[in-house]
Amino acid sequence: MKYYLYILECADRSYYTGITTDLERRLKEHNESPKKGAKYTRTKKPCRIVYTEEYPNRSLATKREQEIKRMNSARKESIIRRQRVRIGIYKHAKTGNLYKVHALAKHSETLEDLVVYECLYENAKSTFWVRPYTMFFETVTIDGEKKPRFEYLKKGKSI
């Protein structure tokens, strides 16, 4: 079974690190469940996933979790910045549609990181889209198996 290490950024800009087998479920628990979310995040909602790593077992994920929990905020921010969306072509896991990432942007009010990308398939409702940066690191379930929402296909420069 795959395990995911994740770092959440909380509403107060602090970080929480944990592991799970299901990133979507766990984020929902942190943000919506009064009992299943971590005690730390209960008063710091909303939280969002800003970093993930995948491990083949719980033991390795737990070791990395403890390593990151010992880091200061500056070091955690450095790790988060290294996980970048790259300019280039991506394939959507569920539809197989292709997209080209052109740039990163920031929301003018929330300062949330956004990705500007272009649909490369015919009959798209819109040519360009702007979506949250973290969406590129989410997982989706296909035939009972978790996969990254977007697969990077062609090399490009990090942005």
C-alpha atoms as a PDB file:
ATOM      1  CA  MET A   1       0.000   0.000   0.000  1.00  0.00           C
ATOM      2  CA  LYS A   2       1.303   3.461  -0.889  1.00  0.00           C
ATOM      3  CA  TYR A   3       1.740   6.078   1.804  1.00  0.00           C
ATOM      4  CA  TYR A   4       1.954   9.815   1.304  1.00  0.00           C
ATOM      5  CA  LEU A   5       3.858  12.258   3.416  1.00  0.00           C
ATOM      6  CA  TYR A   6       2.231  15.681   3.236  1.00  0.00           C
ATOM      7  CA  ILE A   7       2.774  19.192   4.509  1.00  0.00           C
ATOM      8  CA  LEU A   8      -0.245  21.379   5.125  1.00  0.00           C
ATOM      9  CA  GLU A   9      -0.144  25.143   5.220  1.00  0.00           C
ATOM     10  CA  CYS A  10      -2.657  26.325   7.787  1.00  0.00           C
ATOM     11  CA  ALA A  11      -4.655  29.565   7.743  1.00  0.00           C
ATOM     12  CA  ASP A  12      -2.123  31.196  10.093  1.00  0.00           C
ATOM     13  CA  ARG A  13       0.716  30.274   7.635  1.00  0.00           C
ATOM     14  CA  SER A  14       2.100  27.609   9.984  1.00  0.00           C
ATOM     15  CA  TYR A  15       2.882  24.094   8.739  1.00  0.00           C
ATOM     16  CA  TYR A  16       1.636  20.676   9.762  1.00  0.00           C
ATOM     17  CA  THR A  17       3.287  17.448   8.562  1.00  0.00           C
ATOM     18  CA  GLY A  18       1.596  14.049   8.461  1.00  0.00           C
ATOM     19  CA  ILE A  19       1.244  10.776   6.555  1.00  0.00           C
ATOM     20  CA  THR A  20      -1.781   9.096   5.001  1.00  0.00           C
ATOM     21  CA  THR A  21      -2.863   6.568   2.399  1.00  0.00           C
ATOM     22  CA  ASP A  22      -5.471   9.001   0.999  1.00  0.00           C
ATOM     23  CA  LEU A  23      -4.551  12.674   0.601  1.00  0.00           C
ATOM     24  CA  GLU A  24      -8.027  13.891  -0.353  1.00  0.00           C
ATOM     25  CA  ARG A  25      -9.714  12.155   2.579  1.00  0.00           C
ATOM     26  CA  ARG A  26      -7.111  13.331   5.044  1.00  0.00           C
ATOM     27  CA  LEU A  27      -7.316  16.969   3.918  1.00  0.00           C
ATOM     28  CA  LYS A  28     -11.089  16.819   4.264  1.00  0.00           C
ATOM     29  CA  GLU A  29     -10.688  15.416   7.800  1.00  0.00           C
ATOM     30  CA  HIS A  30      -8.312  18.243   8.732  1.00  0.00           C
ATOM     31  CA  ASN A  31     -10.685  20.899   7.395  1.00  0.00           C
ATOM     32  CA  GLU A  32     -14.103  19.449   8.245  1.00  0.00           C
ATOM     33  CA  SER A  33     -13.982  16.783  10.962  1.00  0.00           C
ATOM     34  CA  PRO A  34     -13.943  17.948  14.593  1.00  0.00           C
ATOM     35  CA  LYS A  35     -12.505  14.614  15.747  1.00  0.00           C
ATOM     36  CA  LYS A  36     -10.559  13.053  12.864  1.00  0.00           C
ATOM     37  CA  GLY A  37      -8.394  16.045  11.970  1.00  0.00           C
ATOM     38  CA  ALA A  38      -5.167  16.612  13.907  1.00  0.00           C
ATOM     39  CA  LYS A  39      -5.505  18.565  17.144  1.00  0.00           C
ATOM     40  CA  TYR A  40      -2.994  21.109  15.797  1.00  0.00           C
ATOM     41  CA  THR A  41      -5.082  21.952  12.719  1.00  0.00           C
ATOM     42  CA  ARG A  42      -8.482  22.203  14.449  1.00  0.00           C
ATOM     43  CA  THR A  43      -8.060  25.903  15.223  1.00  0.00           C
ATOM     44  CA  LYS A  44      -6.025  26.759  12.121  1.00  0.00           C
ATOM     45  CA  LYS A  45      -8.523  26.091   9.318  1.00  0.00           C
ATOM     46  CA  PRO A  46      -8.641  26.150   6.399  1.00  0.00           C
ATOM     47  CA  CYS A  47      -5.569  24.075   5.589  1.00  0.00           C
ATOM     48  CA  ARG A  48      -4.220  23.220   2.162  1.00  0.00           C
ATOM     49  CA  ILE A  49      -1.718  20.655   0.948  1.00  0.00           C
ATOM     50  CA  VAL A  50       1.454  22.392  -0.236  1.00  0.00           C
ATOM     51  CA  TYR A  51       3.822  19.434  -0.510  1.00  0.00           C
ATOM     52  CA  THR A  52       3.671  15.650  -0.922  1.00  0.00           C
ATOM     53  CA  GLU A  53       6.032  12.697  -1.249  1.00  0.00           C
ATOM     54  CA  GLU A  54       5.032   9.102  -2.045  1.00  0.00           C
ATOM     55  CA  TYR A  55       6.432   6.040  -0.216  1.00  0.00           C
ATOM     56  CA  PRO A  56       5.928   2.301  -0.755  1.00  0.00           C
ATOM     57  CA  ASN A  57       5.258   1.635   2.942  1.00  0.00           C
ATOM     58  CA  ARG A  58       4.332   3.237   6.265  1.00  0.00           C
ATOM     59  CA  SER A  59       7.781   2.800   7.790  1.00  0.00           C
ATOM     60  CA  LEU A  60       9.570   4.935   5.204  1.00  0.00           C
ATOM     61  CA  ALA A  61       6.834   7.567   5.253  1.00  0.00           C
ATOM     62  CA  THR A  62       6.992   7.790   9.050  1.00  0.00           C
ATOM     63  CA  LYS A  63      10.787   8.183   9.030  1.00  0.00           C
ATOM     64  CA  ARG A  64      10.528  11.069   6.568  1.00  0.00           C
ATOM     65  CA  GLU A  65       7.652  12.606   8.571  1.00  0.00           C
ATOM     66  CA  GLN A  66       9.807  12.688  11.713  1.00  0.00           C
ATOM     67  CA  GLU A  67      12.701  14.178   9.756  1.00  0.00           C
ATOM     68  CA  ILE A  68      10.528  17.016   8.426  1.00  0.00           C
ATOM     69  CA  LYS A  69       8.845  17.631  11.788  1.00  0.00           C
ATOM     70  CA  ARG A  70      12.297  18.381  13.254  1.00  0.00           C
ATOM     71  CA  MET A  71      12.921  21.088  10.614  1.00  0.00           C
ATOM     72  CA  ASN A  72      12.273  24.773  11.200  1.00  0.00           C
ATOM     73  CA  SER A  73       9.771  26.682   9.042  1.00  0.00           C
ATOM     74  CA  ALA A  74      12.452  28.118   6.763  1.00  0.00           C
ATOM     75  CA  ARG A  75      13.744  24.644   5.915  1.00  0.00           C
ATOM     76  CA  LYS A  76      10.195  23.374   5.290  1.00  0.00           C
ATOM     77  CA  GLU A  77       9.544  26.329   2.975  1.00  0.00           C
ATOM     78  CA  SER A  78      12.699  25.457   1.059  1.00  0.00           C
ATOM     79  CA  ILE A  79      11.441  21.889   0.531  1.00  0.00           C
ATOM     80  CA  ILE A  80       8.021  23.146  -0.552  1.00  0.00           C
ATOM     81  CA  ARG A  81       9.534  25.537  -3.115  1.00  0.00           C
ATOM     82  CA  ARG A  82      11.552  22.686  -4.671  1.00  0.00           C
ATOM     83  CA  GLN A  83       8.383  20.832  -5.661  1.00  0.00           C
ATOM     84  CA  ARG A  84       7.638  22.868  -8.738  1.00  0.00           C
ATOM     85  CA  VAL A  85       5.202  22.801 -11.572  1.00  0.00           C
ATOM     86  CA  ARG A  86       7.350  22.888 -14.685  1.00  0.00           C
ATOM     87  CA  ILE A  87       6.609  24.613 -17.957  1.00  0.00           C
ATOM     88  CA  GLY A  88       5.715  21.913 -20.431  1.00  0.00           C
ATOM     89  CA  ILE A  89       3.116  19.389 -21.486  1.00  0.00           C
ATOM     90  CA  TYR A  90       1.002  17.426 -19.002  1.00  0.00           C
ATOM     91  CA  LYS A  91      -1.479  14.580 -19.455  1.00  0.00           C
ATOM     92  CA  HIS A  92      -4.611  14.417 -17.295  1.00  0.00           C
ATOM     93  CA  ALA A  93      -4.891  10.999 -15.609  1.00  0.00           C
ATOM     94  CA  LYS A  94      -8.650  10.534 -16.020  1.00  0.00           C
ATOM     95  CA  THR A  95      -9.310  12.018 -19.456  1.00  0.00           C
ATOM     96  CA  GLY A  96      -5.946  11.641 -21.189  1.00  0.00           C
ATOM     97  CA  ASN A  97      -6.294  15.245 -22.386  1.00  0.00           C
ATOM     98  CA  LEU A  98      -3.107  17.244 -22.889  1.00  0.00           C
ATOM     99  CA  TYR A  99      -2.353  20.636 -21.356  1.00  0.00           C
ATOM    100  CA  LYS A 100       0.536  23.059 -21.666  1.00  0.00           C
ATOM    101  CA  VAL A 101       1.606  24.963 -18.556  1.00  0.00           C
ATOM    102  CA  HIS A 102       2.670  28.498 -19.454  1.00  0.00           C
ATOM    103  CA  ALA A 103       3.249  30.273 -16.131  1.00  0.00           C
ATOM    104  CA  LEU A 104       2.614  30.612 -12.417  1.00  0.00           C
ATOM    105  CA  ALA A 105       0.618  33.526 -11.037  1.00  0.00           C
ATOM    106  CA  LYS A 106      -0.692  34.748  -7.688  1.00  0.00           C
ATOM    107  CA  HIS A 107      -4.293  35.478  -6.771  1.00  0.00           C
ATOM    108  CA  SER A 108      -4.533  39.239  -6.197  1.00  0.00           C
ATOM    109  CA  GLU A 109      -6.403  38.957  -2.890  1.00  0.00           C
ATOM    110  CA  THR A 110      -5.492  35.611  -1.309  1.00  0.00           C
ATOM    111  CA  LEU A 111      -1.953  35.416  -2.753  1.00  0.00           C
ATOM    112  CA  GLU A 112      -2.630  31.753  -3.523  1.00  0.00           C
ATOM    113  CA  ASP A 113      -0.254  30.294  -6.119  1.00  0.00           C
ATOM    114  CA  LEU A 114      -1.989  29.587  -9.427  1.00  0.00           C
ATOM    115  CA  VAL A 115      -1.024  27.755 -12.619  1.00  0.00           C
ATOM    116  CA  VAL A 116      -1.861  29.215 -16.031  1.00  0.00           C
ATOM    117  CA  TYR A 117      -2.264  26.470 -18.603  1.00  0.00           C
ATOM    118  CA  GLU A 118      -3.643  25.899 -22.078  1.00  0.00           C
ATOM    119  CA  CYS A 119      -5.914  23.084 -23.270  1.00  0.00           C
ATOM    120  CA  LEU A 120      -4.323  21.256 -26.207  1.00  0.00           C
ATOM    121  CA  TYR A 121      -7.353  19.197 -27.155  1.00  0.00           C
ATOM    122  CA  GLU A 122     -10.170  20.050 -29.547  1.00  0.00           C
ATOM    123  CA  ASN A 123     -13.606  21.172 -28.342  1.00  0.00           C
ATOM    124  CA  ALA A 124     -12.313  22.557 -25.054  1.00  0.00           C
ATOM    125  CA  LYS A 125     -14.802  24.945 -23.397  1.00  0.00           C
ATOM    126  CA  SER A 126     -12.002  27.427 -22.918  1.00  0.00           C
ATOM    127  CA  THR A 127      -8.486  27.654 -24.274  1.00  0.00           C
ATOM    128  CA  PHE A 128      -6.716  28.917 -21.137  1.00  0.00           C
ATOM    129  CA  TRP A 129      -7.335  27.953 -17.530  1.00  0.00           C
ATOM    130  CA  VAL A 130      -6.087  29.205 -14.185  1.00  0.00           C
ATOM    131  CA  ARG A 131      -6.186  26.708 -11.333  1.00  0.00           C
ATOM    132  CA  PRO A 132      -4.636  26.337  -7.863  1.00  0.00           C
ATOM    133  CA  TYR A 133      -0.969  25.299  -7.890  1.00  0.00           C
ATOM    134  CA  THR A 134      -1.681  22.455  -5.460  1.00  0.00           C
ATOM    135  CA  MET A 135      -4.081  20.845  -7.953  1.00  0.00           C
ATOM    136  CA  PHE A 136      -1.079  19.660  -9.955  1.00  0.00           C
ATOM    137  CA  PHE A 137       0.020  17.541  -6.981  1.00  0.00           C
ATOM    138  CA  GLU A 138      -3.353  16.022  -6.120  1.00  0.00           C
ATOM    139  CA  THR A 139      -4.138  12.381  -6.687  1.00  0.00           C
ATOM    140  CA  VAL A 140      -7.197  10.879  -8.361  1.00  0.00           C
ATOM    141  CA  THR A 141      -8.560   7.361  -8.104  1.00  0.00           C
ATOM    142  CA  ILE A 142      -8.774   5.395 -11.348  1.00  0.00           C
ATOM    143  CA  ASP A 143      -9.968   1.792 -11.208  1.00  0.00           C
ATOM    144  CA  GLY A 144      -9.273   1.732  -7.471  1.00  0.00           C
ATOM    145  CA  GLU A 145      -5.693   2.972  -7.885  1.00  0.00           C
ATOM    146  CA  LYS A 146      -4.431   6.402  -6.814  1.00  0.00           C
ATOM    147  CA  LYS A 147      -2.524   8.310  -9.486  1.00  0.00           C
ATOM    148  CA  PRO A 148      -1.244  11.876  -9.824  1.00  0.00           C
ATOM    149  CA  ARG A 149      -3.892  14.107 -11.443  1.00  0.00           C
ATOM    150  CA  PHE A 150      -1.336  15.348 -13.997  1.00  0.00           C
ATOM    151  CA  GLU A 151       1.598  13.474 -15.484  1.00  0.00           C
ATOM    152  CA  TYR A 152       4.475  15.538 -16.808  1.00  0.00           C
ATOM    153  CA  LEU A 153       5.323  14.423 -20.351  1.00  0.00           C
ATOM    154  CA  LYS A 154       7.846  16.812 -21.874  1.00  0.00           C
ATOM    155  CA  LYS A 155      10.834  18.389 -20.200  1.00  0.00           C
ATOM    156  CA  GLY A 156      10.776  22.089 -19.480  1.00  0.00           C
ATOM    157  CA  LYS A 157      12.289  24.644 -17.184  1.00  0.00           C
ATOM    158  CA  SER A 158      10.983  24.863 -13.599  1.00  0.00           C
ATOM    159  CA  ILE A 159       8.972  27.956 -12.827  1.00  0.00           C
END
